[in-house]
Amino acid sequence: MAYIKNAEMRWSDLDPNFHLRHSVYYDFGAYCRICFLFDNGVTDKLMKELEIGPILFREECVFKRE
């Protein structure tokens, strides 16, 4: 199943070469993970009621080229 979430880029998200900065790339990943949960009915209210929450065991990205 594909999940697509549009994100707005800001000037401060880019490096001097107009590439997305590494930390911003990871921030967008975290944003998309939470949006996926909310868009599928797993809201903060539900998680609080069930006393559960998302756990991220590992986050890794390998950049093959510039």
PDB file of N, CA and C in Angstrom:
ATOM      1  N   MET A   1       0.835  -1.170   0.000  1.00  0.00           N
ATOM      2  CA  MET A   1       0.000   0.000   0.000  1.00  0.00           C
ATOM      3  C   MET A   1       0.891   1.249   0.000  1.00  0.00           C
ATOM      4  N   ALA A   2       0.645   2.140  -0.923  1.00  0.00           N
ATOM      5  CA  ALA A   2       1.415   3.387  -1.001  1.00  0.00           C
ATOM      6  C   ALA A   2       0.755   4.458  -0.140  1.00  0.00           C
ATOM      7  N   TYR A   3       1.569   5.265   0.476  1.00  0.00           N
ATOM      8  CA  TYR A   3       1.076   6.405   1.249  1.00  0.00           C
ATOM      9  C   TYR A   3       1.853   7.627   0.782  1.00  0.00           C
ATOM     10  N   ILE A   4       1.143   8.640   0.351  1.00  0.00           N
ATOM     11  CA  ILE A   4       1.779   9.860  -0.151  1.00  0.00           C
ATOM     12  C   ILE A   4       1.298  11.031   0.680  1.00  0.00           C
ATOM     13  N   LYS A   5       2.242  11.835   1.131  1.00  0.00           N
ATOM     14  CA  LYS A   5       1.929  13.028   1.913  1.00  0.00           C
ATOM     15  C   LYS A   5       2.733  14.186   1.349  1.00  0.00           C
ATOM     16  N   ASN A   6       2.064  15.205   0.866  1.00  0.00           N
ATOM     17  CA  ASN A   6       2.761  16.379   0.348  1.00  0.00           C
ATOM     18  C   ASN A   6       3.297  17.205   1.504  1.00  0.00           C
ATOM     19  N   ALA A   7       4.485  17.740   1.329  1.00  0.00           N
ATOM     20  CA  ALA A   7       5.102  18.584   2.347  1.00  0.00           C
ATOM     21  C   ALA A   7       5.607  19.848   1.679  1.00  0.00           C
ATOM     22  N   GLU A   8       5.461  20.943   2.368  1.00  0.00           N
ATOM     23  CA  GLU A   8       5.905  22.223   1.836  1.00  0.00           C
ATOM     24  C   GLU A   8       7.349  22.480   2.249  1.00  0.00           C
ATOM     25  N   MET A   9       8.196  22.781   1.276  1.00  0.00           N
ATOM     26  CA  MET A   9       9.593  23.093   1.545  1.00  0.00           C
ATOM     27  C   MET A   9       9.735  24.567   1.900  1.00  0.00           C
ATOM     28  N   ARG A  10      10.585  24.824   2.858  1.00  0.00           N
ATOM     29  CA  ARG A  10      10.887  26.203   3.233  1.00  0.00           C
ATOM     30  C   ARG A  10      12.323  26.513   2.823  1.00  0.00           C
ATOM     31  N   TRP A  11      12.622  27.773   2.669  1.00  0.00           N
ATOM     32  CA  TRP A  11      13.967  28.190   2.292  1.00  0.00           C
ATOM     33  C   TRP A  11      14.998  27.646   3.281  1.00  0.00           C
ATOM     34  N   SER A  12      14.663  27.660   4.554  1.00  0.00           N
ATOM     35  CA  SER A  12      15.592  27.216   5.598  1.00  0.00           C
ATOM     36  C   SER A  12      15.815  25.701   5.581  1.00  0.00           C
ATOM     37  N   ASP A  13      15.017  24.959   4.809  1.00  0.00           N
ATOM     38  CA  ASP A  13      15.173  23.502   4.711  1.00  0.00           C
ATOM     39  C   ASP A  13      16.293  23.106   3.745  1.00  0.00           C
ATOM     40  N   LEU A  14      16.799  24.061   3.009  1.00  0.00           N
ATOM     41  CA  LEU A  14      17.776  23.777   1.958  1.00  0.00           C
ATOM     42  C   LEU A  14      19.177  24.195   2.371  1.00  0.00           C
ATOM     43  N   ASP A  15      20.170  23.478   1.820  1.00  0.00           N
ATOM     44  CA  ASP A  15      21.556  23.862   2.037  1.00  0.00           C
ATOM     45  C   ASP A  15      21.968  24.841   0.928  1.00  0.00           C
ATOM     46  N   PRO A  16      23.211  25.327   0.950  1.00  0.00           N
ATOM     47  CA  PRO A  16      23.629  26.301  -0.070  1.00  0.00           C
ATOM     48  C   PRO A  16      23.551  25.778  -1.517  1.00  0.00           C
ATOM     49  N   ASN A  17      23.531  24.452  -1.688  1.00  0.00           N
ATOM     50  CA  ASN A  17      23.416  23.866  -3.030  1.00  0.00           C
ATOM     51  C   ASN A  17      21.961  23.569  -3.402  1.00  0.00           C
ATOM     52  N   PHE A  18      21.029  24.049  -2.580  1.00  0.00           N
ATOM     53  CA  PHE A  18      19.589  23.839  -2.790  1.00  0.00           C
ATOM     54  C   PHE A  18      19.184  22.373  -2.689  1.00  0.00           C
ATOM     55  N   HIS A  19      19.917  21.636  -1.855  1.00  0.00           N
ATOM     56  CA  HIS A  19      19.545  20.257  -1.528  1.00  0.00           C
ATOM     57  C   HIS A  19      18.855  20.278  -0.170  1.00  0.00           C
ATOM     58  N   LEU A  20      17.953  19.353   0.030  1.00  0.00           N
ATOM     59  CA  LEU A  20      17.284  19.244   1.324  1.00  0.00           C
ATOM     60  C   LEU A  20      18.296  18.837   2.385  1.00  0.00           C
ATOM     61  N   ARG A  21      18.332  19.575   3.489  1.00  0.00           N
ATOM     62  CA  ARG A  21      19.269  19.250   4.559  1.00  0.00           C
ATOM     63  C   ARG A  21      18.904  17.911   5.196  1.00  0.00           C
ATOM     64  N   HIS A  22      19.933  17.148   5.640  1.00  0.00           N
ATOM     65  CA  HIS A  22      19.725  15.809   6.202  1.00  0.00           C
ATOM     66  C   HIS A  22      18.719  15.811   7.349  1.00  0.00           C
ATOM     67  N   SER A  23      18.867  16.735   8.282  1.00  0.00           N
ATOM     68  CA  SER A  23      17.977  16.751   9.444  1.00  0.00           C
ATOM     69  C   SER A  23      16.534  17.025   9.040  1.00  0.00           C
ATOM     70  N   VAL A  24      16.335  17.822   8.011  1.00  0.00           N
ATOM     71  CA  VAL A  24      14.979  18.111   7.530  1.00  0.00           C
ATOM     72  C   VAL A  24      14.378  16.861   6.896  1.00  0.00           C
ATOM     73  N   TYR A  25      15.209  16.106   6.179  1.00  0.00           N
ATOM     74  CA  TYR A  25      14.743  14.862   5.561  1.00  0.00           C
ATOM     75  C   TYR A  25      14.186  13.916   6.629  1.00  0.00           C
ATOM     76  N   TYR A  26      14.915  13.794   7.723  1.00  0.00           N
ATOM     77  CA  TYR A  26      14.457  12.935   8.826  1.00  0.00           C
ATOM     78  C   TYR A  26      13.204  13.508   9.491  1.00  0.00           C
ATOM     79  N   ASP A  27      13.150  14.829   9.646  1.00  0.00           N
ATOM     80  CA  ASP A  27      11.957  15.456  10.230  1.00  0.00           C
ATOM     81  C   ASP A  27      10.718  15.193   9.382  1.00  0.00           C
ATOM     82  N   PHE A  28      10.856  15.261   8.062  1.00  0.00           N
ATOM     83  CA  PHE A  28       9.727  14.964   7.184  1.00  0.00           C
ATOM     84  C   PHE A  28       9.302  13.501   7.316  1.00  0.00           C
ATOM     85  N   GLY A  29      10.265  12.613   7.514  1.00  0.00           N
ATOM     86  CA  GLY A  29       9.934  11.198   7.736  1.00  0.00           C
ATOM     87  C   GLY A  29       9.111  11.012   8.992  1.00  0.00           C
ATOM     88  N   ALA A  30       9.498  11.669  10.068  1.00  0.00           N
ATOM     89  CA  ALA A  30       8.750  11.592  11.329  1.00  0.00           C
ATOM     90  C   ALA A  30       7.355  12.183  11.159  1.00  0.00           C
ATOM     91  N   TYR A  31       7.269  13.288  10.464  1.00  0.00           N
ATOM     92  CA  TYR A  31       5.977  13.931  10.195  1.00  0.00           C
ATOM     93  C   TYR A  31       5.060  12.984   9.426  1.00  0.00           C
ATOM     94  N   CYS A  32       5.595  12.331   8.401  1.00  0.00           N
ATOM     95  CA  CYS A  32       4.791  11.410   7.585  1.00  0.00           C
ATOM     96  C   CYS A  32       4.344  10.190   8.382  1.00  0.00           C
ATOM     97  N   ARG A  33       5.196   9.679   9.271  1.00  0.00           N
ATOM     98  CA  ARG A  33       4.808   8.531  10.099  1.00  0.00           C
ATOM     99  C   ARG A  33       3.602   8.867  10.965  1.00  0.00           C
ATOM    100  N   ILE A  34       3.630  10.029  11.613  1.00  0.00           N
ATOM    101  CA  ILE A  34       2.515  10.427  12.473  1.00  0.00           C
ATOM    102  C   ILE A  34       1.268  10.712  11.639  1.00  0.00           C
ATOM    103  N   CYS A  35       1.422  11.358  10.486  1.00  0.00           N
ATOM    104  CA  CYS A  35       0.275  11.611   9.605  1.00  0.00           C
ATOM    105  C   CYS A  35      -0.357  10.302   9.146  1.00  0.00           C
ATOM    106  N   PHE A  36       0.465   9.307   8.856  1.00  0.00           N
ATOM    107  CA  PHE A  36      -0.054   8.000   8.440  1.00  0.00           C
ATOM    108  C   PHE A  36      -0.937   7.411   9.533  1.00  0.00           C
ATOM    109  N   LEU A  37      -0.469   7.474  10.773  1.00  0.00           N
ATOM    110  CA  LEU A  37      -1.267   6.949  11.882  1.00  0.00           C
ATOM    111  C   LEU A  37      -2.587   7.704  12.005  1.00  0.00           C
ATOM    112  N   PHE A  38      -2.520   9.030  12.026  1.00  0.00           N
ATOM    113  CA  PHE A  38      -3.733   9.839  12.161  1.00  0.00           C
ATOM    114  C   PHE A  38      -4.691   9.600  11.006  1.00  0.00           C
ATOM    115  N   ASP A  39      -4.173   9.567   9.793  1.00  0.00           N
ATOM    116  CA  ASP A  39      -5.016   9.359   8.612  1.00  0.00           C
ATOM    117  C   ASP A  39      -5.677   7.985   8.605  1.00  0.00           C
ATOM    118  N   ASN A  40      -5.146   7.061   9.407  1.00  0.00           N
ATOM    119  CA  ASN A  40      -5.712   5.716   9.495  1.00  0.00           C
ATOM    120  C   ASN A  40      -6.419   5.477  10.831  1.00  0.00           C
ATOM    121  N   GLY A  41      -6.782   6.566  11.501  1.00  0.00           N
ATOM    122  CA  GLY A  41      -7.610   6.460  12.702  1.00  0.00           C
ATOM    123  C   GLY A  41      -6.873   6.271  14.006  1.00  0.00           C
ATOM    124  N   VAL A  42      -5.553   6.227  13.969  1.00  0.00           N
ATOM    125  CA  VAL A  42      -4.775   6.057  15.201  1.00  0.00           C
ATOM    126  C   VAL A  42      -4.357   7.452  15.664  1.00  0.00           C
ATOM    127  N   THR A  43      -5.265   8.124  16.348  1.00  0.00           N
ATOM    128  CA  THR A  43      -5.034   9.505  16.781  1.00  0.00           C
ATOM    129  C   THR A  43      -4.366   9.550  18.148  1.00  0.00           C
ATOM    130  N   ASP A  44      -3.922  10.750  18.519  1.00  0.00           N
ATOM    131  CA  ASP A  44      -3.327  10.910  19.846  1.00  0.00           C
ATOM    132  C   ASP A  44      -4.349  10.621  20.939  1.00  0.00           C
ATOM    133  N   LYS A  45      -5.605  10.968  20.692  1.00  0.00           N
ATOM    134  CA  LYS A  45      -6.667  10.678  21.667  1.00  0.00           C
ATOM    135  C   LYS A  45      -6.825   9.175  21.861  1.00  0.00           C
ATOM    136  N   LEU A  46      -6.861   8.423  20.768  1.00  0.00           N
ATOM    137  CA  LEU A  46      -6.997   6.963  20.848  1.00  0.00           C
ATOM    138  C   LEU A  46      -5.802   6.341  21.565  1.00  0.00           C
ATOM    139  N   MET A  47      -4.601   6.786  21.206  1.00  0.00           N
ATOM    140  CA  MET A  47      -3.404   6.230  21.851  1.00  0.00           C
ATOM    141  C   MET A  47      -3.402   6.524  23.352  1.00  0.00           C
ATOM    142  N   LYS A  48      -3.881   7.709  23.721  1.00  0.00           N
ATOM    143  CA  LYS A  48      -3.941   8.044  25.145  1.00  0.00           C
ATOM    144  C   LYS A  48      -4.948   7.158  25.871  1.00  0.00           C
ATOM    145  N   GLU A  49      -6.095   6.953  25.239  1.00  0.00           N
ATOM    146  CA  GLU A  49      -7.115   6.078  25.839  1.00  0.00           C
ATOM    147  C   GLU A  49      -6.606   4.651  26.010  1.00  0.00           C
ATOM    148  N   LEU A  50      -5.869   4.149  25.029  1.00  0.00           N
ATOM    149  CA  LEU A  50      -5.357   2.775  25.065  1.00  0.00           C
ATOM    150  C   LEU A  50      -4.022   2.663  25.792  1.00  0.00           C
ATOM    151  N   GLU A  51      -3.477   3.808  26.198  1.00  0.00           N
ATOM    152  CA  GLU A  51      -2.175   3.873  26.862  1.00  0.00           C
ATOM    153  C   GLU A  51      -1.084   3.208  26.032  1.00  0.00           C
ATOM    154  N   ILE A  52      -1.077   3.557  24.749  1.00  0.00           N
ATOM    155  CA  ILE A  52      -0.043   3.072  23.828  1.00  0.00           C
ATOM    156  C   ILE A  52       0.536   4.266  23.080  1.00  0.00           C
ATOM    157  N   GLY A  53       1.609   4.029  22.381  1.00  0.00           N
ATOM    158  CA  GLY A  53       2.212   5.060  21.559  1.00  0.00           C
ATOM    159  C   GLY A  53       3.167   4.438  20.567  1.00  0.00           C
ATOM    160  N   PRO A  54       3.479   5.175  19.516  1.00  0.00           N
ATOM    161  CA  PRO A  54       4.393   4.640  18.508  1.00  0.00           C
ATOM    162  C   PRO A  54       5.820   4.564  19.052  1.00  0.00           C
ATOM    163  N   ILE A  55       6.520   3.525  18.631  1.00  0.00           N
ATOM    164  CA  ILE A  55       7.919   3.338  19.022  1.00  0.00           C
ATOM    165  C   ILE A  55       8.743   3.208  17.751  1.00  0.00           C
ATOM    166  N   LEU A  56       9.797   3.965  17.680  1.00  0.00           N
ATOM    167  CA  LEU A  56      10.705   3.888  16.541  1.00  0.00           C
ATOM    168  C   LEU A  56      11.989   3.231  17.034  1.00  0.00           C
ATOM    169  N   PHE A  57      12.217   1.999  16.596  1.00  0.00           N
ATOM    170  CA  PHE A  57      13.394   1.265  17.059  1.00  0.00           C
ATOM    171  C   PHE A  57      14.666   1.711  16.352  1.00  0.00           C
ATOM    172  N   ARG A  58      14.513   2.077  15.078  1.00  0.00           N
ATOM    173  CA  ARG A  58      15.702   2.444  14.321  1.00  0.00           C
ATOM    174  C   ARG A  58      15.299   3.315  13.142  1.00  0.00           C
ATOM    175  N   GLU A  59      16.134   4.288  12.872  1.00  0.00           N
ATOM    176  CA  GLU A  59      15.934   5.142  11.706  1.00  0.00           C
ATOM    177  C   GLU A  59      17.290   5.263  11.018  1.00  0.00           C
ATOM    178  N   GLU A  60      17.305   4.940   9.760  1.00  0.00           N
ATOM    179  CA  GLU A  60      18.581   4.950   9.037  1.00  0.00           C
ATOM    180  C   GLU A  60      18.328   5.365   7.599  1.00  0.00           C
ATOM    181  N   CYS A  61      19.263   6.094   7.066  1.00  0.00           N
ATOM    182  CA  CYS A  61      19.168   6.507   5.667  1.00  0.00           C
ATOM    183  C   CYS A  61      20.564   6.413   5.056  1.00  0.00           C
ATOM    184  N   VAL A  62      20.653   5.855   3.886  1.00  0.00           N
ATOM    185  CA  VAL A  62      21.925   5.751   3.176  1.00  0.00           C
ATOM    186  C   VAL A  62      21.811   6.589   1.922  1.00  0.00           C
ATOM    187  N   PHE A  63      22.650   7.606   1.824  1.00  0.00           N
ATOM    188  CA  PHE A  63      22.647   8.481   0.665  1.00  0.00           C
ATOM    189  C   PHE A  63      23.669   7.953  -0.346  1.00  0.00           C
ATOM    190  N   LYS A  64      23.188   7.498  -1.476  1.00  0.00           N
ATOM    191  CA  LYS A  64      24.038   6.885  -2.495  1.00  0.00           C
ATOM    192  C   LYS A  64      24.854   7.904  -3.275  1.00  0.00           C
ATOM    193  N   ARG A  65      24.285   9.086  -3.456  1.00  0.00           N
ATOM    194  CA  ARG A  65      24.982  10.154  -4.187  1.00  0.00           C
ATOM    195  C   ARG A  65      24.340  11.477  -3.831  1.00  0.00           C
ATOM    196  N   GLU A  66      24.973  12.525  -4.270  1.00  0.00           N
ATOM    197  CA  GLU A  66      24.486  13.863  -3.971  1.00  0.00           C
ATOM    198  C   GLU A  66      23.177  14.144  -4.656  1.00  0.00           C
TER     199      GLU A  66
END
